[in-house]
Amino acid sequence: MMILVAGLAIFIAIHLFPTNRELRAGLHARYGEAGYKGIFSVVALLGLVLIIVGYGTTQQYLGSKNPILWDPPVWTRHVSFLLMLPSMIFLVAAYIPSRIRAALKHPMLLAVKIWALAHLLANGDAASLILFGSFLAWAVYDRISLKKRGDTGWGGATGSILNDVAVVAVGTALWGFMLVYGHALLIGVPLVSI
């Protein structure tokens, strides 16, 4: 559990740096754009690796090392599956210029919030509460911080209707892949049996 907590602390802390404009500006001035992005990427990757290893390790234990706090009813899994569809679409919208991205302003943060909520609904163990609860809290804080800083999100070109169709199509395909194959391949937990 400590590895998971350490990974979350590192990953979230590095993602909080951009919320402090003075600190970010100082790091840019000291290391340059490439240096700042390099340091950010290495630290974020370290945190992500620790999160994956820590969460994977805690899932192997039952009882005191990863207590079950509640036993979610089966229907929460179905709600989670449905919530993951817009999460995947919004994730894709963060990378493709579209009217969807412009309307959402910060589609990646919305995708993370929905992803975390969906997983909190379907998992009742302590490690899941810590992992998904931390990501949900960070995404909510970051969105509030962006609003306070006057960051209006994606501006400029929004793309054509074809871009909107592409966002929905790719997001839906990603959702289907994760539902049928990807979650089992990447996470080790099959969601549906074929």
Protein backbone atom coordinates (compact mmCIF):
# COMPACT_ATOMS: atom_id res chain seq x y z
CA MET A 1 0.00 0.00 0.00
CA MET A 2 2.91 2.35 0.73
CA ILE A 3 4.20 2.04 -2.83
CA LEU A 4 0.77 3.04 -4.15
CA VAL A 5 0.59 6.04 -1.83
CA ALA A 6 4.14 7.12 -2.72
CA GLY A 7 3.35 6.84 -6.43
CA LEU A 8 0.18 8.88 -6.05
CA ALA A 9 2.02 11.53 -4.03
CA ILE A 10 4.72 11.87 -6.70
CA PHE A 11 2.31 11.78 -9.67
CA ILE A 12 -0.16 14.26 -8.20
CA ALA A 13 2.53 16.56 -6.80
CA ILE A 14 4.20 16.95 -10.19
CA HIS A 15 0.81 17.62 -11.76
CA LEU A 16 0.17 20.36 -9.20
CA PHE A 17 3.26 22.32 -10.32
CA PRO A 18 1.44 23.94 -13.26
CA THR A 19 -1.21 25.31 -10.86
CA ASN A 20 1.44 27.62 -9.36
CA ARG A 21 2.33 30.05 -12.15
CA GLU A 22 5.33 31.58 -10.37
CA LEU A 23 6.89 28.21 -9.61
CA ARG A 24 6.28 27.01 -13.15
CA ALA A 25 7.74 30.20 -14.62
CA GLY A 26 10.81 29.84 -12.40
CA LEU A 27 11.38 26.26 -13.53
CA HIS A 28 10.93 27.30 -17.17
CA ALA A 29 13.47 30.08 -16.72
CA ARG A 30 15.95 27.80 -14.99
CA TYR A 31 15.69 24.67 -17.18
CA GLY A 32 14.06 25.92 -20.38
CA GLU A 33 10.97 24.47 -22.02
CA ALA A 34 12.60 21.15 -22.98
CA GLY A 35 14.25 20.73 -19.57
CA TYR A 36 11.01 21.49 -17.73
CA LYS A 37 9.04 19.03 -19.87
CA GLY A 38 11.77 16.42 -19.50
CA ILE A 39 11.85 16.67 -15.71
CA PHE A 40 8.05 16.73 -15.57
CA SER A 41 7.81 13.62 -17.76
CA VAL A 42 10.42 11.62 -15.84
CA VAL A 43 8.88 12.41 -12.45
CA ALA A 44 5.33 11.74 -13.72
CA LEU A 45 6.45 8.44 -15.24
CA LEU A 46 8.14 7.43 -11.97
CA GLY A 47 4.91 8.19 -10.09
CA LEU A 48 2.85 6.25 -12.64
CA VAL A 49 5.12 3.20 -12.43
CA LEU A 50 4.90 3.25 -8.62
CA ILE A 51 1.10 3.58 -8.83
CA ILE A 52 0.86 0.58 -11.16
CA VAL A 53 3.23 -1.56 -9.11
CA GLY A 54 1.68 -0.49 -5.81
CA TYR A 55 -1.90 -1.03 -6.92
CA GLY A 56 -1.06 -4.35 -8.54
CA THR A 57 0.68 -5.53 -5.39
CA THR A 58 -2.18 -4.54 -3.09
CA GLN A 59 -4.71 -6.33 -5.31
CA GLN A 60 -2.92 -9.60 -4.59
CA TYR A 61 -3.66 -9.34 -0.87
CA LEU A 62 -6.91 -9.80 0.96
CA GLY A 63 -7.71 -8.85 4.51
CA SER A 64 -5.58 -6.41 6.45
CA LYS A 65 -3.24 -5.40 3.61
CA ASN A 66 -6.12 -4.36 1.36
CA PRO A 67 -9.38 -4.55 3.28
CA ILE A 68 -12.69 -4.73 1.49
CA LEU A 69 -14.67 -1.71 2.67
CA TRP A 70 -17.90 -2.60 0.87
CA ASP A 71 -19.13 -5.13 -1.64
CA PRO A 72 -20.51 -3.15 -4.60
CA PRO A 73 -23.69 -4.62 -6.06
CA VAL A 74 -23.52 -5.99 -9.61
CA TRP A 75 -25.47 -3.06 -11.05
CA THR A 76 -22.62 -0.68 -10.19
CA ARG A 77 -20.44 -2.51 -12.74
CA HIS A 78 -23.00 -1.82 -15.45
CA VAL A 79 -23.16 1.85 -14.47
CA SER A 80 -19.35 1.91 -14.58
CA PHE A 81 -19.31 0.40 -18.06
CA LEU A 82 -21.71 3.10 -19.24
CA LEU A 83 -19.79 5.92 -17.56
CA MET A 84 -16.61 4.79 -19.26
CA LEU A 85 -18.08 5.50 -22.71
CA PRO A 86 -18.16 9.29 -22.30
CA SER A 87 -14.87 9.10 -20.42
CA MET A 88 -13.18 7.50 -23.43
CA ILE A 89 -14.81 9.96 -25.84
CA PHE A 90 -13.67 12.92 -23.73
CA LEU A 91 -10.17 11.44 -23.48
CA VAL A 92 -9.97 11.31 -27.27
CA ALA A 93 -11.44 14.84 -27.50
CA ALA A 94 -8.40 16.12 -25.60
CA TYR A 95 -6.23 15.18 -28.58
CA ILE A 96 -8.41 15.97 -31.61
CA PRO A 97 -9.47 19.55 -32.35
CA SER A 98 -13.26 19.47 -32.33
CA ARG A 99 -16.34 21.29 -31.18
CA ILE A 100 -16.60 18.69 -28.43
CA ARG A 101 -13.18 19.70 -27.11
CA ALA A 102 -14.06 23.39 -27.32
CA ALA A 103 -17.38 22.87 -25.50
CA LEU A 104 -15.81 20.81 -22.71
CA LYS A 105 -12.87 23.23 -22.29
CA HIS A 106 -10.81 20.66 -20.37
CA PRO A 107 -11.88 17.25 -21.70
CA MET A 108 -8.94 15.35 -20.17
CA LEU A 109 -9.88 16.44 -16.64
CA LEU A 110 -13.52 15.55 -17.25
CA ALA A 111 -12.44 12.15 -18.59
CA VAL A 112 -10.34 11.54 -15.46
CA LYS A 113 -13.21 12.57 -13.16
CA ILE A 114 -15.66 10.21 -14.87
CA TRP A 115 -13.05 7.40 -15.01
CA ALA A 116 -12.33 7.75 -11.29
CA LEU A 117 -16.01 7.91 -10.33
CA ALA A 118 -16.83 4.86 -12.47
CA HIS A 119 -14.07 2.86 -10.80
CA LEU A 120 -15.05 4.00 -7.30
CA LEU A 121 -18.56 2.70 -7.96
CA ALA A 122 -17.34 -0.74 -9.02
CA ASN A 123 -14.56 -1.34 -6.48
CA GLY A 124 -14.93 -1.60 -2.72
CA ASP A 125 -11.37 -2.24 -1.53
CA ALA A 126 -9.14 0.25 0.27
CA ALA A 127 -6.51 0.43 -2.47
CA SER A 128 -9.18 1.31 -5.05
CA LEU A 129 -10.61 3.99 -2.78
CA ILE A 130 -7.15 5.51 -2.36
CA LEU A 131 -6.25 5.28 -6.06
CA PHE A 132 -9.47 6.43 -7.69
CA GLY A 133 -10.40 8.82 -4.89
CA SER A 134 -7.02 10.55 -5.21
CA PHE A 135 -7.40 10.96 -8.96
CA LEU A 136 -10.94 12.27 -8.57
CA ALA A 137 -9.85 14.78 -5.91
CA TRP A 138 -6.90 15.92 -8.04
CA ALA A 139 -9.05 16.38 -11.16
CA VAL A 140 -11.67 18.38 -9.24
CA TYR A 141 -8.95 20.55 -7.64
CA ASP A 142 -7.18 21.09 -10.97
CA ARG A 143 -10.40 22.14 -12.72
CA ILE A 144 -11.20 24.62 -9.94
CA SER A 145 -7.63 25.91 -10.11
CA LEU A 146 -7.86 26.40 -13.87
CA LYS A 147 -11.09 28.32 -13.48
CA LYS A 148 -9.58 30.57 -10.79
CA ARG A 149 -6.55 31.24 -13.02
CA GLY A 150 -8.85 32.27 -15.88
CA ASP A 151 -7.86 29.35 -18.09
CA THR A 152 -10.78 29.06 -20.48
CA GLY A 153 -9.56 25.83 -22.01
CA TRP A 154 -9.15 25.06 -25.64
CA GLY A 155 -9.51 28.07 -27.86
CA GLY A 156 -9.05 28.79 -31.49
CA ALA A 157 -9.91 26.34 -34.23
CA THR A 158 -12.48 23.79 -33.24
CA GLY A 159 -12.40 21.56 -36.30
CA SER A 160 -15.20 20.37 -38.51
CA ILE A 161 -18.15 18.09 -37.93
CA LEU A 162 -15.90 15.30 -39.22
CA ASN A 163 -13.61 15.88 -36.27
CA ASP A 164 -16.58 15.52 -33.90
CA VAL A 165 -17.54 12.28 -35.64
CA ALA A 166 -13.92 11.10 -35.39
CA VAL A 167 -13.80 11.88 -31.65
CA VAL A 168 -16.99 9.91 -30.99
CA ALA A 169 -15.97 7.03 -33.29
CA VAL A 170 -12.44 6.66 -31.89
CA GLY A 171 -13.66 7.09 -28.30
CA THR A 172 -16.36 4.48 -28.80
CA ALA A 173 -13.88 2.08 -30.42
CA LEU A 174 -11.45 2.60 -27.53
CA TRP A 175 -14.28 1.96 -25.04
CA GLY A 176 -15.26 -1.24 -26.86
CA PHE A 177 -11.67 -2.44 -27.02
CA MET A 178 -11.09 -1.79 -23.31
CA LEU A 179 -14.38 -3.44 -22.39
CA VAL A 180 -13.78 -6.61 -24.39
CA TYR A 181 -9.98 -7.00 -24.49
CA GLY A 182 -7.95 -4.05 -23.22
CA HIS A 183 -8.84 -4.06 -19.54
CA ALA A 184 -7.91 -7.75 -19.28
CA LEU A 185 -4.67 -7.23 -21.24
CA LEU A 186 -3.53 -4.04 -19.52
CA ILE A 187 -4.99 -4.40 -16.02
CA GLY A 188 -5.35 -8.17 -15.74
CA VAL A 189 -9.05 -7.97 -14.89
CA PRO A 190 -11.46 -9.14 -17.62
CA LEU A 191 -14.67 -7.14 -17.73
CA VAL A 192 -16.79 -9.30 -20.00
CA SER A 193 -16.50 -12.88 -21.15
CA ILE A 194 -16.63 -13.55 -24.87
